[in-house]
Amino acid sequence: MAENSKSRVTADAAFLRTQTQSLTRNRVLSETETINQARDANTARLKALRLQKEEAERAAAASAPPKAKRKRTV
């Protein structure tokens, strides 16, 4: 009976180790996914702002009078 108890204790300890590792891995993966989603959202926001700025610059350049060209003297 003592051997049964010893093997049972060893098996329980191994199971708890495996369970702890699994829970830790899942927590890390969840945190990583959250960070990736936040980064992707920020990237999309910044891209939208950049495209809006570029469009405004193009519109301003199109509405501005063309620069007078200087004639070269020879």
N, C-alpha and C. Protein backbone atom coordinates (compact mmCIF):
# COMPACT_ATOMS: atom_id res chain seq x y z
N MET A 1 0.81 -1.19 0.00
CA MET A 1 0.00 0.00 0.00
C MET A 1 0.86 1.26 0.00
N ALA A 2 2.01 1.22 0.66
CA ALA A 2 2.89 2.38 0.72
C ALA A 2 3.41 2.73 -0.67
N GLU A 3 3.72 1.71 -1.49
CA GLU A 3 4.19 1.97 -2.86
C GLU A 3 3.10 2.61 -3.69
N ASN A 4 1.88 2.16 -3.53
CA ASN A 4 0.75 2.75 -4.24
C ASN A 4 0.61 4.23 -3.91
N SER A 5 0.76 4.56 -2.65
CA SER A 5 0.64 5.94 -2.22
C SER A 5 1.78 6.77 -2.79
N LYS A 6 2.98 6.20 -2.79
CA LYS A 6 4.13 6.94 -3.31
C LYS A 6 3.97 7.21 -4.81
N SER A 7 3.52 6.22 -5.55
CA SER A 7 3.33 6.43 -6.99
C SER A 7 2.18 7.38 -7.25
N ARG A 8 1.18 7.32 -6.39
CA ARG A 8 0.05 8.24 -6.52
C ARG A 8 0.50 9.68 -6.29
N VAL A 9 1.34 9.90 -5.27
CA VAL A 9 1.85 11.23 -4.96
C VAL A 9 2.71 11.73 -6.11
N THR A 10 3.53 10.86 -6.68
CA THR A 10 4.39 11.23 -7.80
C THR A 10 3.54 11.61 -9.02
N ALA A 11 2.51 10.82 -9.27
CA ALA A 11 1.63 11.10 -10.41
C ALA A 11 0.89 12.42 -10.20
N ASP A 12 0.41 12.67 -9.00
CA ASP A 12 -0.27 13.93 -8.71
C ASP A 12 0.65 15.12 -8.90
N ALA A 13 1.89 14.98 -8.44
CA ALA A 13 2.86 16.07 -8.58
C ALA A 13 3.14 16.34 -10.06
N ALA A 14 3.28 15.27 -10.85
CA ALA A 14 3.53 15.43 -12.28
C ALA A 14 2.33 16.10 -12.96
N PHE A 15 1.14 15.70 -12.57
CA PHE A 15 -0.07 16.29 -13.14
C PHE A 15 -0.15 17.78 -12.81
N LEU A 16 0.11 18.13 -11.57
CA LEU A 16 0.06 19.53 -11.16
C LEU A 16 1.09 20.36 -11.91
N ARG A 17 2.29 19.81 -12.11
CA ARG A 17 3.33 20.51 -12.87
C ARG A 17 2.85 20.76 -14.30
N THR A 18 2.29 19.73 -14.92
CA THR A 18 1.81 19.85 -16.29
C THR A 18 0.66 20.85 -16.37
N GLN A 19 -0.24 20.79 -15.41
CA GLN A 19 -1.38 21.71 -15.40
C GLN A 19 -0.91 23.15 -15.22
N THR A 20 0.04 23.37 -14.34
CA THR A 20 0.58 24.72 -14.11
C THR A 20 1.24 25.25 -15.38
N GLN A 21 2.02 24.41 -16.03
CA GLN A 21 2.68 24.83 -17.27
C GLN A 21 1.66 25.18 -18.34
N SER A 22 0.61 24.40 -18.43
CA SER A 22 -0.43 24.66 -19.42
C SER A 22 -1.14 25.97 -19.14
N LEU A 23 -1.48 26.21 -17.87
CA LEU A 23 -2.15 27.46 -17.52
C LEU A 23 -1.26 28.67 -17.78
N THR A 24 0.03 28.54 -17.48
CA THR A 24 0.98 29.62 -17.71
C THR A 24 1.10 29.90 -19.21
N ARG A 25 1.20 28.85 -20.00
CA ARG A 25 1.31 29.00 -21.46
C ARG A 25 0.07 29.69 -22.01
N ASN A 26 -1.11 29.27 -21.55
CA ASN A 26 -2.35 29.89 -22.03
C ASN A 26 -2.43 31.36 -21.65
N ARG A 27 -1.97 31.70 -20.45
CA ARG A 27 -2.00 33.11 -20.01
C ARG A 27 -1.07 33.95 -20.88
N VAL A 28 0.12 33.43 -21.15
CA VAL A 28 1.10 34.16 -21.97
C VAL A 28 0.56 34.34 -23.39
N LEU A 29 -0.04 33.30 -23.95
CA LEU A 29 -0.60 33.41 -25.30
C LEU A 29 -1.74 34.42 -25.33
N SER A 30 -2.55 34.44 -24.30
CA SER A 30 -3.65 35.39 -24.23
C SER A 30 -3.12 36.83 -24.16
N GLU A 31 -2.10 37.05 -23.34
CA GLU A 31 -1.50 38.38 -23.23
C GLU A 31 -0.88 38.81 -24.56
N THR A 32 -0.21 37.88 -25.22
CA THR A 32 0.41 38.18 -26.51
C THR A 32 -0.64 38.55 -27.54
N GLU A 33 -1.75 37.82 -27.55
CA GLU A 33 -2.83 38.12 -28.50
C GLU A 33 -3.43 39.49 -28.23
N THR A 34 -3.59 39.83 -26.97
CA THR A 34 -4.13 41.15 -26.60
C THR A 34 -3.19 42.26 -27.08
N ILE A 35 -1.90 42.06 -26.88
CA ILE A 35 -0.90 43.05 -27.31
C ILE A 35 -0.93 43.19 -28.83
N ASN A 36 -1.01 42.06 -29.53
CA ASN A 36 -1.05 42.10 -31.00
C ASN A 36 -2.29 42.82 -31.51
N GLN A 37 -3.44 42.59 -30.89
CA GLN A 37 -4.66 43.27 -31.30
C GLN A 37 -4.56 44.78 -31.07
N ALA A 38 -3.98 45.17 -29.94
CA ALA A 38 -3.83 46.60 -29.66
C ALA A 38 -2.88 47.24 -30.67
N ARG A 39 -1.80 46.55 -31.00
CA ARG A 39 -0.85 47.07 -31.99
C ARG A 39 -1.50 47.21 -33.36
N ASP A 40 -2.27 46.19 -33.76
CA ASP A 40 -2.94 46.24 -35.06
C ASP A 40 -3.96 47.38 -35.13
N ALA A 41 -4.69 47.59 -34.03
CA ALA A 41 -5.66 48.69 -34.00
C ALA A 41 -4.95 50.04 -34.10
N ASN A 42 -3.85 50.18 -33.40
CA ASN A 42 -3.09 51.44 -33.44
C ASN A 42 -2.51 51.67 -34.84
N THR A 43 -2.01 50.61 -35.45
CA THR A 43 -1.46 50.73 -36.80
C THR A 43 -2.54 51.16 -37.79
N ALA A 44 -3.73 50.57 -37.68
CA ALA A 44 -4.83 50.94 -38.57
C ALA A 44 -5.23 52.40 -38.36
N ARG A 45 -5.26 52.84 -37.11
CA ARG A 45 -5.62 54.23 -36.80
C ARG A 45 -4.60 55.19 -37.40
N LEU A 46 -3.32 54.87 -37.21
CA LEU A 46 -2.27 55.75 -37.74
C LEU A 46 -2.27 55.77 -39.27
N LYS A 47 -2.56 54.63 -39.89
CA LYS A 47 -2.61 54.58 -41.35
C LYS A 47 -3.74 55.44 -41.87
N ALA A 48 -4.89 55.36 -41.20
CA ALA A 48 -6.03 56.19 -41.62
C ALA A 48 -5.70 57.67 -41.49
N LEU A 49 -5.04 58.04 -40.41
CA LEU A 49 -4.64 59.45 -40.24
C LEU A 49 -3.65 59.88 -41.31
N ARG A 50 -2.69 59.00 -41.63
CA ARG A 50 -1.69 59.34 -42.65
C ARG A 50 -2.35 59.50 -44.01
N LEU A 51 -3.27 58.60 -44.36
CA LEU A 51 -3.95 58.70 -45.65
C LEU A 51 -4.80 59.97 -45.72
N GLN A 52 -5.43 60.31 -44.63
CA GLN A 52 -6.23 61.54 -44.58
C GLN A 52 -5.33 62.77 -44.77
N LYS A 53 -4.18 62.77 -44.12
CA LYS A 53 -3.24 63.89 -44.24
C LYS A 53 -2.73 63.99 -45.68
N GLU A 54 -2.37 62.85 -46.27
CA GLU A 54 -1.86 62.87 -47.64
C GLU A 54 -2.92 63.38 -48.61
N GLU A 55 -4.18 62.99 -48.40
CA GLU A 55 -5.26 63.46 -49.26
C GLU A 55 -5.44 64.96 -49.13
N ALA A 56 -5.35 65.47 -47.90
CA ALA A 56 -5.47 66.92 -47.68
C ALA A 56 -4.32 67.65 -48.35
N GLU A 57 -3.13 67.10 -48.29
CA GLU A 57 -1.98 67.73 -48.93
C GLU A 57 -2.14 67.73 -50.45
N ARG A 58 -2.65 66.62 -51.01
CA ARG A 58 -2.88 66.56 -52.45
C ARG A 58 -3.93 67.58 -52.88
N ALA A 59 -4.98 67.71 -52.09
CA ALA A 59 -6.03 68.68 -52.42
C ALA A 59 -5.50 70.09 -52.33
N ALA A 60 -4.68 70.38 -51.34
CA ALA A 60 -4.10 71.72 -51.21
C ALA A 60 -3.16 72.01 -52.37
N ALA A 61 -2.39 71.01 -52.77
CA ALA A 61 -1.46 71.21 -53.89
C ALA A 61 -2.23 71.42 -55.19
N ALA A 62 -3.35 70.74 -55.35
CA ALA A 62 -4.14 70.87 -56.58
C ALA A 62 -4.83 72.23 -56.65
N SER A 63 -5.23 72.77 -55.52
CA SER A 63 -5.94 74.05 -55.52
C SER A 63 -4.99 75.24 -55.50
N ALA A 64 -3.75 75.01 -55.18
CA ALA A 64 -2.77 76.10 -55.15
C ALA A 64 -2.40 76.48 -56.58
N PRO A 65 -2.16 77.76 -56.81
CA PRO A 65 -1.76 78.17 -58.16
C PRO A 65 -0.39 77.58 -58.48
N PRO A 66 -0.17 77.22 -59.73
CA PRO A 66 1.13 76.65 -60.09
C PRO A 66 2.24 77.68 -59.93
N LYS A 67 3.38 77.22 -59.59
CA LYS A 67 4.52 78.12 -59.43
C LYS A 67 4.98 78.60 -60.79
N ALA A 68 5.35 79.87 -60.85
CA ALA A 68 5.82 80.44 -62.09
C ALA A 68 7.22 79.89 -62.40
N LYS A 69 7.37 79.49 -63.63
CA LYS A 69 8.67 78.95 -64.01
C LYS A 69 9.60 80.09 -64.39
N ARG A 70 10.81 79.99 -63.94
CA ARG A 70 11.80 81.02 -64.28
C ARG A 70 12.42 80.67 -65.62
N LYS A 71 12.57 81.67 -66.41
CA LYS A 71 13.22 81.43 -67.70
C LYS A 71 14.72 81.51 -67.48
N ARG A 72 15.38 80.60 -68.10
CA ARG A 72 16.82 80.57 -68.01
C ARG A 72 17.43 81.52 -69.02
N THR A 73 18.36 82.28 -68.60
CA THR A 73 19.05 83.17 -69.52
C THR A 73 20.36 82.51 -69.95
N VAL A 74 20.62 82.63 -71.21
CA VAL A 74 21.82 82.00 -71.76
C VAL A 74 22.90 82.99 -71.97
